[in-house]
C-alpha atoms as a PDB file:
ATOM      1  CA  MET A   1     160.649 268.649  85.805  1.00  0.00           C
ATOM      2  CA  ASP A   2     159.841 266.933  82.535  1.00  0.00           C
ATOM      3  CA  LYS A   3     156.903 268.626  80.812  1.00  0.00           C
ATOM      4  CA  ASN A   4     156.132 265.743  78.406  1.00  0.00           C
ATOM      5  CA  ASN A   5     152.643 264.319  78.863  1.00  0.00           C
ATOM      6  CA  ASP A   6     153.869 260.745  78.327  1.00  0.00           C
ATOM      7  CA  CYS A   7     155.388 260.627  81.834  1.00  0.00           C
ATOM      8  CA  ARG A   8     152.098 261.304  83.606  1.00  0.00           C
ATOM      9  CA  ILE A   9     149.893 258.871  85.451  1.00  0.00           C
ATOM     10  CA  PRO A  10     146.211 259.131  84.441  1.00  0.00           C
ATOM     11  CA  ASN A  11     144.095 261.199  86.841  1.00  0.00           C
ATOM     12  CA  CYS A  12     147.143 262.689  88.596  1.00  0.00           C
ATOM     13  CA  GLY A  13     147.316 266.082  86.881  1.00  0.00           C
ATOM     14  CA  ASN A  14     150.793 267.488  86.275  1.00  0.00           C
ATOM     15  CA  VAL A  15     152.611 265.320  88.783  1.00  0.00           C
ATOM     16  CA  PRO A  16     155.350 263.275  87.103  1.00  0.00           C
ATOM     17  CA  ASP A  17     155.214 259.482  87.214  1.00  0.00           C
ATOM     18  CA  MET A  18     157.578 258.845  90.103  1.00  0.00           C
ATOM     19  CA  ARG A  19     157.206 255.051  90.073  1.00  0.00           C
ATOM     20  CA  LYS A  20     160.293 254.776  87.849  1.00  0.00           C
ATOM     21  CA  GLU A  21     162.365 257.072  90.056  1.00  0.00           C
ATOM     22  CA  ASN A  22     164.537 255.996  92.953  1.00  0.00           C
ATOM     23  CA  LEU A  23     162.583 257.771  95.676  1.00  0.00           C
ATOM     24  CA  VAL A  24     161.792 258.263  99.302  1.00  0.00           C
ATOM     25  CA  VAL A  25     158.255 258.753 100.587  1.00  0.00           C
ATOM     26  CA  GLY A  26     157.365 260.522 103.813  1.00  0.00           C
ATOM     27  CA  ALA A  27     158.530 263.602 105.676  1.00  0.00           C
ATOM     28  CA  LYS A  28     161.189 261.951 107.860  1.00  0.00           C
ATOM     29  CA  GLN A  29     162.868 260.118 104.990  1.00  0.00           C
ATOM     30  CA  LEU A  30     162.676 263.229 102.817  1.00  0.00           C
ATOM     31  CA  LYS A  31     164.365 265.387 105.478  1.00  0.00           C
ATOM     32  CA  LYS A  32     167.194 262.889 105.843  1.00  0.00           C
ATOM     33  CA  ALA A  33     167.712 262.655 102.084  1.00  0.00           C
ATOM     34  CA  VAL A  34     167.784 266.472 101.747  1.00  0.00           C
ATOM     35  CA  ARG A  35     170.359 266.739 104.535  1.00  0.00           C
ATOM     36  CA  ASP A  36     172.449 264.049 102.785  1.00  0.00           C
ATOM     37  CA  SER A  37     172.253 266.004  99.468  1.00  0.00           C
ATOM     38  CA  ARG A  38     170.641 263.066  97.668  1.00  0.00           C
ATOM     39  CA  VAL A  39     167.486 264.780  96.313  1.00  0.00           C
ATOM     40  CA  LYS A  40     166.760 265.719  92.698  1.00  0.00           C
ATOM     41  CA  PHE A  41     163.301 267.236  93.315  1.00  0.00           C
ATOM     42  CA  VAL A  42     160.482 267.095  95.865  1.00  0.00           C
ATOM     43  CA  VAL A  43     156.706 266.754  95.487  1.00  0.00           C
ATOM     44  CA  LEU A  44     154.466 267.883  98.347  1.00  0.00           C
ATOM     45  CA  ALA A  45     150.714 267.291  98.717  1.00  0.00           C
ATOM     46  CA  LYS A  46     148.667 270.481  99.007  1.00  0.00           C
ATOM     47  CA  ASN A  47     146.243 268.966 101.533  1.00  0.00           C
ATOM     48  CA  ALA A  48     148.911 267.716 103.967  1.00  0.00           C
ATOM     49  CA  ASP A  49     149.449 269.258 107.413  1.00  0.00           C
ATOM     50  CA  PRO A  50     150.694 272.854 106.884  1.00  0.00           C
ATOM     51  CA  ALA A  51     153.221 272.501 109.722  1.00  0.00           C
ATOM     52  CA  ILE A  52     154.884 269.639 107.854  1.00  0.00           C
ATOM     53  CA  LEU A  53     154.673 271.364 104.476  1.00  0.00           C
ATOM     54  CA  ASP A  54     156.123 274.652 105.734  1.00  0.00           C
ATOM     55  CA  SER A  55     159.175 273.017 107.293  1.00  0.00           C
ATOM     56  CA  LEU A  56     159.827 270.807 104.259  1.00  0.00           C
ATOM     57  CA  GLU A  57     159.396 273.665 101.809  1.00  0.00           C
ATOM     58  CA  ALA A  58     161.801 275.825 103.838  1.00  0.00           C
ATOM     59  CA  LEU A  59     164.362 273.016 104.052  1.00  0.00           C
ATOM     60  CA  CYS A  60     164.195 272.452 100.289  1.00  0.00           C
ATOM     61  CA  GLY A  61     164.456 276.196  99.633  1.00  0.00           C
ATOM     62  CA  GLU A  62     167.609 276.433 101.730  1.00  0.00           C
ATOM     63  CA  ALA A  63     169.102 273.477  99.849  1.00  0.00           C
ATOM     64  CA  GLY A  64     168.057 274.822  96.422  1.00  0.00           C
ATOM     65  CA  ILE A  65     165.877 271.791  95.659  1.00  0.00           C
ATOM     66  CA  PRO A  66     162.894 272.302  93.321  1.00  0.00           C
ATOM     67  CA  VAL A  67     159.493 271.747  94.968  1.00  0.00           C
ATOM     68  CA  HIS A  68     156.465 270.634  92.951  1.00  0.00           C
ATOM     69  CA  TRP A  69     152.905 270.252  94.216  1.00  0.00           C
ATOM     70  CA  ALA A  70     150.384 267.420  93.997  1.00  0.00           C
ATOM     71  CA  ALA A  71     146.706 268.233  94.473  1.00  0.00           C
ATOM     72  CA  SER A  72     146.265 265.711  97.281  1.00  0.00           C
ATOM     73  CA  MET A  73     147.973 263.109  99.411  1.00  0.00           C
ATOM     74  CA  SER A  74     146.118 260.312  97.615  1.00  0.00           C
ATOM     75  CA  GLU A  75     147.279 261.638  94.238  1.00  0.00           C
ATOM     76  CA  LEU A  76     150.881 261.747  95.433  1.00  0.00           C
ATOM     77  CA  GLY A  77     150.608 258.219  96.805  1.00  0.00           C
ATOM     78  CA  ARG A  78     149.305 256.927  93.452  1.00  0.00           C
ATOM     79  CA  THR A  79     152.072 258.802  91.648  1.00  0.00           C
ATOM     80  CA  CYS A  80     154.645 257.052  93.843  1.00  0.00           C
ATOM     81  CA  GLY A  81     153.075 253.666  93.192  1.00  0.00           C
ATOM     82  CA  ILE A  82     151.791 253.110  96.727  1.00  0.00           C
ATOM     83  CA  GLU A  83     148.244 252.398  97.843  1.00  0.00           C
ATOM     84  CA  VAL A  84     148.103 254.983 100.630  1.00  0.00           C
ATOM     85  CA  GLY A  85     148.390 258.758 100.637  1.00  0.00           C
ATOM     86  CA  ALA A  86     151.699 260.552 101.068  1.00  0.00           C
ATOM     87  CA  ALA A  87     152.392 264.075 102.291  1.00  0.00           C
ATOM     88  CA  ALA A  88     155.825 264.260 100.671  1.00  0.00           C
ATOM     89  CA  ALA A  89     158.083 262.385  98.279  1.00  0.00           C
ATOM     90  CA  ALA A  90     161.480 263.015  96.749  1.00  0.00           C
ATOM     91  CA  ALA A  91     163.212 261.704  93.647  1.00  0.00           C
ATOM     92  CA  LEU A  92     166.786 260.783  94.488  1.00  0.00           C
ATOM     93  CA  LEU A  93     169.929 261.493  92.525  1.00  0.00           C
END
């Protein structure tokens, strides 16, 4: 993940600005993209349902896809350029 501060959205911590990425948002879309080998990296929200997070993290680990963490679902939603929270998002290749 790019460590330059110029790619950050204000008030979103160390989560990269994903609005410029080709991405999928949501657990179901993320799972499909991982299975299709189309994912560059994944961002999961720390306050999302642990059952969802555990399965997504395991799936990404098996596929060798880097997982990054957002502090909250609302932060991840803002980072993706949407007005609602998101549990998971992936930048596509």
